Amino acid sequence: MLDESSLHFSDFVEVCDAFVKGYSKFERTGVPGPAVALAMLGASLNMFDMFGIRDGVPELLRGLADKIENEGPVH
């Protein structure tokens, strides 16, 4: 879908922190962590829809799963 080497993930830190703070409110109110994580994944899928690239998601997730299993953390 894209060349990962062109991304600088440090550019996303501020936005990521805002997302985590927002979703952590659910956990503080007793929503189970896995449910919060699944909601975050759903929001990510919505973003892929927004950019018209949802068709590439299965391949992307397979690649991420392989990285996690073979190399550990993704970023």
Foldseek 3Di string as FASTA:
>chain_A
DDDPVVDDCVVCVVVVVVLCVVLVVCVVVPDDPVVSVVVVVVVVCVVCVVVPNNVCVVVVVVVCVVCCVPPNDPD
